[in-house]
Protein backbone atom coordinates (compact mmCIF):
# COMPACT_ATOMS: atom_id res chain seq x y z
CA MET A 1 6.54 0.91 104.10
CA GLU A 2 7.38 2.68 100.81
CA LEU A 3 10.07 0.11 100.71
CA ASN A 4 8.36 -3.04 102.21
CA SER A 5 4.92 -2.01 98.93
CA LEU A 6 8.08 -2.06 96.56
CA VAL A 7 9.84 -5.92 97.75
CA ALA A 8 6.13 -7.13 98.77
CA ALA A 9 5.39 -6.42 94.34
CA VAL A 10 8.75 -7.25 93.19
CA ALA A 11 8.96 -10.47 94.99
CA ASN A 12 4.89 -11.21 94.17
CA PRO A 13 4.41 -11.07 90.38
CA HIS A 14 0.77 -11.55 90.39
CA CYS A 15 0.59 -7.72 92.54
CA PHE A 16 2.13 -6.39 89.60
CA PRO A 17 -0.82 -3.44 88.32
CA THR A 18 -2.45 -4.97 84.75
CA ASN A 19 -3.94 -1.85 83.81
CA LEU A 20 -3.19 1.13 82.66
CA LYS A 21 -4.88 2.73 85.40
CA GLN A 22 -3.29 1.49 88.09
CA LYS A 23 1.02 1.37 86.36
CA ARG A 24 0.06 5.28 86.24
CA SER A 25 -0.88 4.98 90.31
CA PHE A 26 2.03 2.80 91.05
CA LEU A 27 4.54 5.43 89.18
CA PHE A 28 3.16 8.28 90.88
CA GLN A 29 2.36 7.01 94.39
CA HIS A 30 5.80 5.80 94.63
CA ARG A 31 8.29 9.41 93.73
CA ARG A 32 10.30 9.91 96.29
CA PRO A 33 10.34 13.30 97.01
CA ALA A 34 14.08 13.85 96.19
CA GLY A 35 13.62 13.11 92.89
CA ARG A 36 10.67 15.24 92.99
CA ALA A 37 12.96 17.91 93.77
CA SER A 38 16.14 17.10 91.47
CA ALA A 39 13.56 16.89 88.07
CA ARG A 40 12.42 19.88 88.67
CA LYS A 41 16.12 22.16 89.25
CA ILE A 42 16.74 20.50 85.74
CA LEU A 43 14.13 21.45 84.29
CA ARG A 44 14.11 25.34 85.05
CA GLN A 45 17.59 24.82 84.94
CA ASN A 46 17.31 24.27 81.17
CA LYS A 47 14.21 26.07 80.25
CA GLU A 48 16.94 29.07 82.09
CA LYS A 49 19.38 28.13 79.61
CA GLY A 50 18.89 25.89 77.19
CA SER A 51 21.32 24.40 78.18
CA PHE A 52 21.49 20.50 79.79
CA ALA A 53 25.10 19.61 81.55
CA ASP A 54 28.27 20.08 78.84
CA ASP A 55 26.16 20.47 75.98
CA ASP A 56 26.19 24.18 74.37
CA SER A 57 23.23 24.40 71.97
CA SER A 58 19.85 24.34 72.91
CA ILE A 59 17.75 20.70 73.82
CA ASN A 60 14.83 20.46 74.33
CA HIS A 61 13.11 18.58 77.67
CA SER A 62 13.15 15.22 75.79
CA GLN A 63 15.98 15.06 75.04
CA VAL A 64 17.18 15.74 78.59
CA ILE A 65 15.32 12.23 79.45
CA GLU A 66 16.77 11.07 76.50
CA LYS A 67 20.63 11.80 77.85
CA LEU A 68 19.28 11.13 81.18
CA SER A 69 18.49 7.35 80.14
CA GLN A 70 21.48 7.17 78.17
CA ARG A 71 23.81 7.92 81.21
CA ARG A 72 22.57 5.16 83.20
CA THR A 73 20.17 7.53 85.52
CA PRO A 74 16.39 6.09 84.09
CA VAL A 75 14.89 7.33 87.93
CA LEU A 76 16.15 10.39 87.56
CA ALA A 77 14.68 10.55 83.89
CA GLN A 78 11.09 8.44 85.83
CA GLU A 79 11.12 11.83 87.85
CA ILE A 80 11.22 14.58 84.49
CA PHE A 81 9.04 11.95 82.49
CA LEU A 82 6.33 12.06 85.16
CA GLU A 83 6.46 16.24 86.15
CA LEU A 84 6.23 16.74 82.45
CA LYS A 85 3.42 14.35 82.27
CA SER A 86 1.77 16.39 85.34
CA GLU A 87 2.26 19.41 83.19
CA ASP A 88 0.97 17.72 80.02
CA PHE A 89 3.80 18.44 78.14
CA PRO A 90 4.33 17.27 74.98
CA LEU A 91 7.09 14.47 74.56
CA ASN A 92 8.58 12.42 71.39
CA ASN A 93 8.30 8.88 69.84
CA SER A 94 12.45 9.12 70.75
CA THR A 95 11.72 9.80 74.13
CA LEU A 96 9.23 7.05 75.16
CA SER A 97 11.56 4.46 73.16
CA SER A 98 14.64 5.78 74.99
CA LEU A 99 13.07 5.57 78.40
CA MET A 100 11.57 2.22 77.75
CA VAL A 101 14.22 0.38 76.42
CA ARG A 102 15.93 2.12 79.84
CA TYR A 103 13.58 0.91 82.02
CA ILE A 104 14.19 -2.77 80.44
CA ASP A 105 18.32 -2.61 80.38
CA GLY A 106 17.78 -1.73 84.32
CA GLY A 107 15.19 -4.43 85.24
CA LEU A 108 12.44 -1.87 86.23
CA LEU A 109 9.77 -3.92 83.53
CA LEU A 110 6.83 -2.53 85.77
CA GLN A 111 7.87 1.15 84.60
CA ALA A 112 9.00 -0.28 80.44
CA GLU A 113 5.23 -1.60 80.74
CA ALA A 114 3.88 1.67 82.30
CA ILE A 115 5.70 3.26 78.74
CA TRP A 116 4.66 0.47 76.62
CA GLU A 117 0.55 0.64 77.69
CA GLU A 118 1.50 5.27 77.17
CA MET A 119 1.90 4.33 73.44
CA LEU A 120 -0.21 1.69 73.06
CA ASN A 121 -2.97 4.91 74.31
CA SER A 122 -1.54 7.75 71.96
CA CYS A 123 -0.03 8.11 68.37
CA PHE A 124 3.02 6.80 69.18
CA VAL A 125 4.42 3.95 67.50
CA PRO A 126 7.34 1.20 69.12
CA SER A 127 10.52 0.58 67.41
CA VAL A 128 11.29 -3.49 66.63
CA LEU A 129 14.00 -3.25 68.84
CA VAL A 130 11.23 -2.08 72.27
CA ILE A 131 9.52 -4.61 70.80
CA SER A 132 12.01 -6.99 70.62
CA LYS A 133 13.60 -5.88 74.29
CA LEU A 134 10.44 -6.39 75.97
CA LEU A 135 9.54 -9.99 74.67
CA ASN A 136 12.54 -10.89 75.79
CA THR A 137 12.37 -9.60 78.93
CA TYR A 138 8.90 -11.84 79.48
CA GLY A 139 10.85 -14.71 77.61
CA LYS A 140 13.65 -14.85 80.77
CA MET A 141 10.75 -14.40 83.48
CA ARG A 142 8.38 -17.21 81.32
CA ARG A 143 5.99 -14.97 80.74
CA PHE A 144 4.45 -16.43 78.69
CA ASP A 145 1.01 -15.32 78.69
CA ASP A 146 2.07 -11.68 78.08
CA ILE A 147 4.34 -12.59 75.05
CA ILE A 148 1.00 -13.46 73.85
CA LYS A 149 -0.67 -9.96 74.75
CA VAL A 150 1.98 -8.31 72.84
CA LEU A 151 1.30 -9.65 69.86
CA ASP A 152 -2.19 -9.16 69.90
CA GLN A 153 -1.49 -5.59 70.85
CA VAL A 154 0.40 -5.18 68.04
CA LYS A 155 -1.72 -7.29 65.59
CA LEU A 156 -4.14 -4.16 66.70
CA ARG A 157 -2.64 -1.17 67.11
CA TYR A 158 0.60 -2.01 65.01
CA LEU A 159 0.04 -4.15 61.64
CA HIS A 160 3.36 -2.87 59.66
CA LEU A 161 5.16 -4.41 62.29
CA LEU A 162 3.14 -7.66 63.09
CA PRO A 163 5.86 -9.47 61.05
CA GLU A 164 8.87 -8.31 62.99
CA ALA A 165 6.22 -9.02 66.06
CA TYR A 166 5.68 -12.61 64.80
CA SER A 167 9.29 -14.05 64.20
CA LEU A 168 10.81 -12.01 67.81
CA ALA A 169 7.64 -14.09 69.40
CA ILE A 170 8.65 -17.37 67.69
CA SER A 171 12.33 -16.46 68.15
CA CYS A 172 11.50 -16.22 72.36
CA PHE A 173 9.24 -19.41 72.27
CA GLY A 174 12.12 -21.08 70.84
CA LYS A 175 14.85 -19.92 73.09
CA HIS A 176 12.83 -21.04 75.90
CA GLY A 177 11.72 -24.71 74.41
CA GLN A 178 8.41 -23.52 74.13
CA LEU A 179 7.91 -25.40 70.60
CA GLU A 180 4.10 -25.82 70.75
CA LEU A 181 3.48 -21.76 71.76
CA MET A 182 6.31 -21.63 68.98
CA GLU A 183 4.21 -23.55 65.93
CA ASN A 184 0.83 -22.06 68.03
CA THR A 185 2.33 -18.49 66.55
CA LEU A 186 3.11 -19.59 62.85
CA ARG A 187 0.32 -21.15 62.91
CA GLU A 188 -0.95 -17.54 63.56
CA MET A 189 1.11 -15.61 61.94
CA VAL A 190 0.24 -17.91 58.06
CA SER A 191 -3.29 -17.01 59.08
CA SER A 192 -2.74 -13.61 59.16
CA GLY A 193 -1.45 -13.61 55.91
CA VAL A 194 1.39 -12.68 57.47
CA PRO A 195 3.92 -14.33 55.25
CA VAL A 196 7.01 -17.13 56.90
CA GLY A 197 10.39 -15.31 55.61
CA SER A 198 13.52 -17.80 55.43
CA ARG A 199 15.02 -16.33 59.06
CA THR A 200 11.70 -18.09 60.66
CA GLY A 201 11.93 -20.97 59.27
CA ASN A 202 15.42 -21.82 59.97
CA SER A 203 15.40 -20.48 63.52
CA PHE A 204 12.65 -23.78 63.77
CA ILE A 205 15.14 -26.35 62.81
CA VAL A 206 17.68 -24.67 64.96
CA TYR A 207 15.13 -25.08 68.37
CA TYR A 208 14.07 -28.71 66.87
CA SER A 209 16.79 -29.23 66.92
CA ILE A 210 17.70 -28.03 70.53
CA PHE A 211 14.50 -28.83 72.21
CA GLY A 212 13.15 -31.76 69.59
CA SER A 213 13.43 -35.15 68.36
CA LEU A 214 15.31 -35.64 65.33
CA MET A 215 11.81 -36.71 63.64
CA GLU A 216 10.63 -33.45 65.11
CA MET A 217 14.06 -31.49 64.01
CA GLU A 218 13.82 -33.88 60.18
CA THR A 219 9.40 -32.63 59.39
CA ALA A 220 10.82 -28.60 60.03
CA TYR A 221 13.82 -29.09 57.52
CA GLY A 222 11.55 -30.98 55.59
CA ARG A 223 9.13 -27.33 56.03
CA LEU A 224 11.79 -25.23 54.97
CA LYS A 225 12.86 -27.11 51.62
CA ARG A 226 9.30 -26.77 49.90
CA SER A 227 9.12 -23.69 51.18
CA ARG A 228 12.03 -23.54 48.85
CA PHE A 229 14.17 -22.09 51.52
CA LEU A 230 18.03 -22.45 51.91
CA ILE A 231 18.91 -23.95 54.70
CA GLU A 232 21.22 -21.35 56.40
CA LYS A 233 24.82 -22.22 58.09
CA GLU A 234 23.18 -22.17 61.58
CA GLY A 235 20.67 -24.69 61.04
CA ILE A 236 23.29 -27.57 58.85
CA LEU A 237 25.39 -26.56 62.43
CA ALA A 238 21.98 -27.32 64.31
CA MET A 239 20.99 -30.09 62.55
CA ALA A 240 24.92 -31.72 62.64
CA PHE A 241 25.22 -31.27 65.86
CA ALA A 242 22.10 -33.18 66.85
CA TYR A 243 22.78 -35.88 64.58
CA ILE A 244 26.53 -36.62 66.60
CA ARG A 245 24.80 -36.09 69.66
CA GLU A 246 22.70 -39.20 68.48
CA ARG A 247 25.83 -40.33 67.43
CA LYS A 248 23.85 -40.85 64.42
CA PHE A 249 26.36 -40.95 60.91
CA TYR A 250 24.76 -42.01 58.28
CA ARG A 251 21.58 -39.77 58.77
CA LEU A 252 24.01 -37.15 58.79
CA GLY A 253 25.64 -38.07 55.85
CA GLU A 254 22.26 -38.54 54.14
CA PHE A 255 21.72 -34.79 55.22
CA LEU A 256 24.60 -33.33 54.11
CA ARG A 257 23.92 -35.00 50.61
CA ASP A 258 21.17 -33.22 51.10
CA VAL A 259 21.75 -29.90 51.27
CA GLY A 260 24.35 -29.92 48.45
CA LEU A 261 27.72 -30.97 48.90
CA ARG A 262 28.57 -28.35 46.40
CA ARG A 263 27.01 -24.89 48.08
CA LYS A 264 29.70 -22.65 48.02
CA ASN A 265 28.49 -19.54 51.06
CA VAL A 266 29.17 -21.93 53.86
CA GLY A 267 32.67 -23.01 52.84
CA ASN A 268 34.15 -25.98 53.81
CA LEU A 269 31.46 -26.62 56.19
CA LEU A 270 29.14 -29.29 53.98
CA TRP A 271 32.72 -31.29 53.39
CA ASN A 272 34.11 -31.30 57.10
CA LEU A 273 30.99 -32.64 58.25
CA LEU A 274 30.73 -35.95 55.87
CA LEU A 275 34.26 -36.38 56.40
CA LEU A 276 33.58 -35.89 60.44
CA SER A 277 30.64 -38.28 59.80
CA TYR A 278 33.16 -40.98 58.71
CA ALA A 279 36.07 -40.77 60.87
CA ALA A 280 33.81 -40.61 63.93
CA ASN A 281 33.11 -44.53 62.40
CA PHE A 282 37.51 -44.93 61.28
CA LYS A 283 35.82 -45.39 57.93
CA MET A 284 38.64 -44.92 56.65
CA LYS A 285 38.60 -45.25 52.76
CA SER A 286 35.32 -43.83 52.61
CA LEU A 287 37.70 -41.16 54.32
CA GLN A 288 40.17 -40.97 51.93
CA ARG A 289 37.66 -40.95 48.51
CA GLU A 290 35.44 -38.42 50.07
CA PHE A 291 38.46 -35.92 50.73
CA LEU A 292 39.47 -35.98 47.30
CA ALA A 293 36.19 -36.28 46.04
CA MET A 294 36.32 -32.95 48.38
CA VAL A 295 39.58 -31.88 46.05
CA GLU A 296 38.01 -32.14 42.99
CA ALA A 297 34.93 -30.52 43.53
CA GLY A 298 37.77 -27.10 43.99
CA PHE A 299 37.12 -27.07 47.68
CA ASN A 300 40.24 -26.30 49.12
CA PRO A 301 41.07 -28.37 52.71
CA ASP A 302 41.61 -26.39 55.69
CA ILE A 303 42.94 -26.93 59.15
CA THR A 304 39.35 -28.34 60.46
CA THR A 305 39.08 -30.67 57.24
CA PHE A 306 43.26 -31.54 58.01
CA ASN A 307 42.36 -32.08 61.60
CA ILE A 308 39.58 -34.67 61.67
CA ARG A 309 41.85 -36.73 58.59
CA ALA A 310 45.03 -37.00 61.69
CA MET A 311 42.86 -38.10 64.56
CA ALA A 312 41.18 -40.58 63.39
CA PHE A 313 44.74 -41.45 61.64
CA SER A 314 46.25 -40.96 65.20
CA ARG A 315 43.72 -42.64 66.81
CA MET A 316 44.08 -46.09 64.28
CA ASP A 317 48.30 -46.16 64.09
CA LEU A 318 48.92 -44.74 60.97
CA LEU A 319 52.34 -43.44 60.95
CA TRP A 320 52.39 -43.42 57.34
CA ASP A 321 48.96 -41.18 56.91
CA LEU A 322 49.86 -38.61 59.47
CA HIS A 323 52.94 -37.85 57.98
CA LEU A 324 51.62 -38.21 54.32
CA SER A 325 48.77 -35.47 56.48
CA LEU A 326 51.53 -33.12 57.78
CA GLU A 327 53.16 -33.29 53.73
CA HIS A 328 50.52 -32.21 52.62
CA MET A 329 49.43 -29.48 55.24
CA LYS A 330 53.23 -28.31 54.54
CA HIS A 331 52.52 -27.70 50.78
CA VAL A 332 49.37 -25.49 51.22
CA LYS A 333 50.81 -24.16 53.44
CA ILE A 334 48.43 -24.37 56.59
CA GLU A 335 49.51 -23.89 60.11
CA PRO A 336 49.34 -26.97 62.27
CA ASP A 337 47.23 -26.13 65.65
CA LEU A 338 47.10 -27.75 69.17
CA VAL A 339 45.02 -30.05 67.39
CA THR A 340 47.57 -31.23 64.90
CA TYR A 341 50.58 -31.47 67.55
CA GLY A 342 48.17 -33.63 69.80
CA CYS A 343 47.36 -36.42 67.10
CA VAL A 344 51.08 -36.78 66.51
CA VAL A 345 51.95 -36.50 69.88
CA ASP A 346 49.84 -39.71 70.75
CA ALA A 347 50.43 -41.39 68.25
CA TYR A 348 53.84 -41.80 68.98
CA VAL A 349 53.21 -42.00 72.28
CA ASN A 350 50.80 -44.79 72.52
CA ARG A 351 53.16 -46.58 70.34
CA ARG A 352 56.00 -45.91 72.67
CA LEU A 353 58.38 -43.70 70.54
CA GLY A 354 58.42 -40.90 72.33
CA ARG A 355 62.02 -40.44 72.03
CA ASN A 356 61.19 -40.45 67.63
CA LEU A 357 59.46 -37.74 67.95
CA GLU A 358 62.02 -35.00 67.44
CA PHE A 359 62.13 -36.03 63.97
CA VAL A 360 58.77 -35.42 63.01
CA LEU A 361 59.07 -31.98 65.14
CA SER A 362 61.74 -30.64 63.51
CA LYS A 363 59.02 -30.21 60.33
CA MET A 364 56.52 -28.30 62.06
CA ASN A 365 58.31 -25.71 63.60
CA PRO A 366 56.73 -26.18 67.62
CA ASP A 367 58.81 -23.70 69.03
CA GLN A 368 55.36 -21.53 67.93
CA PRO A 369 52.70 -20.46 70.65
CA PRO A 370 49.63 -23.11 70.61
CA ILE A 371 46.96 -21.98 68.50
CA LEU A 372 43.68 -23.71 68.73
CA SER A 373 41.79 -23.67 65.17
CA THR A 374 39.04 -26.42 64.94
CA ASP A 375 35.94 -26.12 64.54
CA LEU A 376 33.85 -26.99 68.03
CA PHE A 377 31.77 -29.58 66.29
CA VAL A 378 34.85 -32.12 65.36
CA PHE A 379 35.61 -31.95 69.88
CA GLU A 380 31.75 -33.08 69.79
CA ALA A 381 32.64 -36.35 67.78
CA LEU A 382 36.24 -36.67 68.62
CA GLY A 383 36.31 -35.95 71.65
CA LYS A 384 39.68 -34.43 72.59
CA GLY A 385 43.27 -36.75 72.58
CA ASP A 386 45.13 -36.36 75.95
CA PHE A 387 48.23 -34.28 74.75
CA HIS A 388 45.39 -32.18 73.83
CA MET A 389 43.05 -32.00 77.69
CA SER A 390 47.10 -31.92 79.59
CA SER A 391 47.68 -29.12 77.15
CA GLU A 392 44.86 -26.83 77.89
CA ALA A 393 45.64 -27.98 81.66
CA PHE A 394 48.99 -26.33 81.58
CA MET A 395 48.17 -23.28 80.11
CA GLN A 396 45.07 -22.85 82.29
CA PHE A 397 46.97 -22.86 85.15
CA GLN A 398 49.43 -20.79 84.27
CA LYS A 399 47.51 -17.82 82.98
CA GLN A 400 51.29 -15.61 82.38
CA LYS A 401 53.06 -18.00 81.22
CA LYS A 402 53.61 -17.77 77.34
CA TRP A 403 53.98 -21.46 76.18
CA THR A 404 55.39 -22.67 73.39
CA TYR A 405 54.67 -26.11 71.67
CA ARG A 406 58.09 -27.32 72.30
CA GLU A 407 57.54 -26.27 75.82
CA LEU A 408 53.81 -28.60 76.25
CA ILE A 409 55.52 -31.44 74.11
CA SER A 410 58.13 -32.18 76.97
CA LEU A 411 56.07 -31.30 80.29
CA TYR A 412 53.46 -33.56 78.72
CA LEU A 413 56.58 -36.50 78.03
CA LYS A 414 58.09 -35.89 81.35
CA LYS A 415 53.78 -36.62 82.98
CA GLN A 416 53.95 -39.67 80.88
CA HIS A 417 56.87 -40.88 81.62
CA ARG A 418 56.31 -40.08 85.29
CA ARG A 419 52.98 -42.26 85.38
CA ASP A 420 54.61 -45.18 83.50
CA GLN A 421 57.06 -45.52 86.53
CA VAL A 422 54.01 -45.39 89.21
CA PHE A 423 52.68 -48.65 86.97
CA TRP A 424 56.22 -50.41 87.70
CA ASN A 425 56.62 -49.98 90.86
CA TYR A 426 53.09 -51.50 91.63
C-alpha cells in the first residue's frame, strides 16, 4: 500500500503535498523501519566513537548527513535528518543545502521541497547552487508557476540573492522557449531596482535567436546596445546561426560590421563570419577583398578562414586560387584538416582530374591521421563536401582503425570509380 501511494504521487503531480505541514507529514509517513533502525545505529555509533566510516577525526551529526548525501545515499541521509529533527537536534546551513542538492540530483523533488520549506521557515540561507538546481528542475518539468513562486519567496526572505535568482529564472524560462515569461521577469527585475547585467542581456539575445523571430532578436540586440553592454561571443554566434538558418547573409554582414570587425577579444570570429557571408553567395571578389582587409587589420587567418575560402574555390572550380590558398597555408604553417583535403579532392574529382591528385597531395603530407578543426558554423552555411561526408562514414564504420588522409582518399576514389562504372553499364 505504501508503494502504491508513492507511485500515485509520482504519476499525478497534483497529488504532491503543497504546504509545509503536508510535506513534513509525507516524509515521516513514508519512513521505512529498516532505514530508521540504520539511522539510529549510525547516530549511536557516531555518539559513542566520535567518528564516522573510515575517518579518524571527530565529526558531528551534520557532517554525517553531508557525507551520506555525497556518497549517493540520500535516503539514509534523510532518515538521519528526520531522526535528528524529531530530537530537536540543531542542524547547520551547509547540511540542509547539501541534502537538498543531493535530493534534487537523485530525483527526489518532494523531499527537496520539504528541505526548501524548512530553510524558508528558519534562519538558514540557501546557496545560489540550491536555487539554481531547484529552478532548473522546475524548468525541466515545465512547472513555470513554481519558478515564479520561488522568485517571490526569495524576494521576501533573501533580498541579497535576488539578482542571481532573477538571472537564473530568466535562463530557465529562456531555455524552454518561454519568451513572454522571460520578458515579464525582466520587467519585474527592473521595477524591483535590480540592475540588469551584461550576462542577462546577452542571454536574451541567445534565447530570442533560438525561439524568436529575427525582428525580436534584433530588438533584443538593440536593447543591449542601448544599455552600453558589449555583445559576447555566445551572443554573436547565436545571432549568426539565426541569420544563416534564414539565409540572410546580407543582414549577417551588416550585423558584424555594427559589432565592430576590429574587436580582438573574440579572435577571428567576426571576420570568419563575414567571409562566410560572401562565400555562401559565391561573391568571390568581395570574399578576396575582405580577406585582404582582414590581414591588413592585423588578424592572422586560421584554419577556418582558409577553409571558408577553399570551399568556395572548390565549388566554383577555381583550381588555381585553391592552389594559392594551399601555398599560403603552408607559408603561415597552418596544417590542413579534413575539410581542406575534401575541398581539394572534390575539386579534382568534379573536373575528372582524380589521377592528378598525387601532384597536390605530395605538398600536403597526407599520411597524417585525419582531424577536424573547422568551426561548425561553416557547415551550417555551406554544408559538407562529398569527400568529407564519405570519410566520416568510413571512420564511423571502422572506429578502431587508424586512418590516414591517403587511405580515405584511396577508398573514396575507388567508390567514385565503381559508381561511374555502374552509371555507364546502365
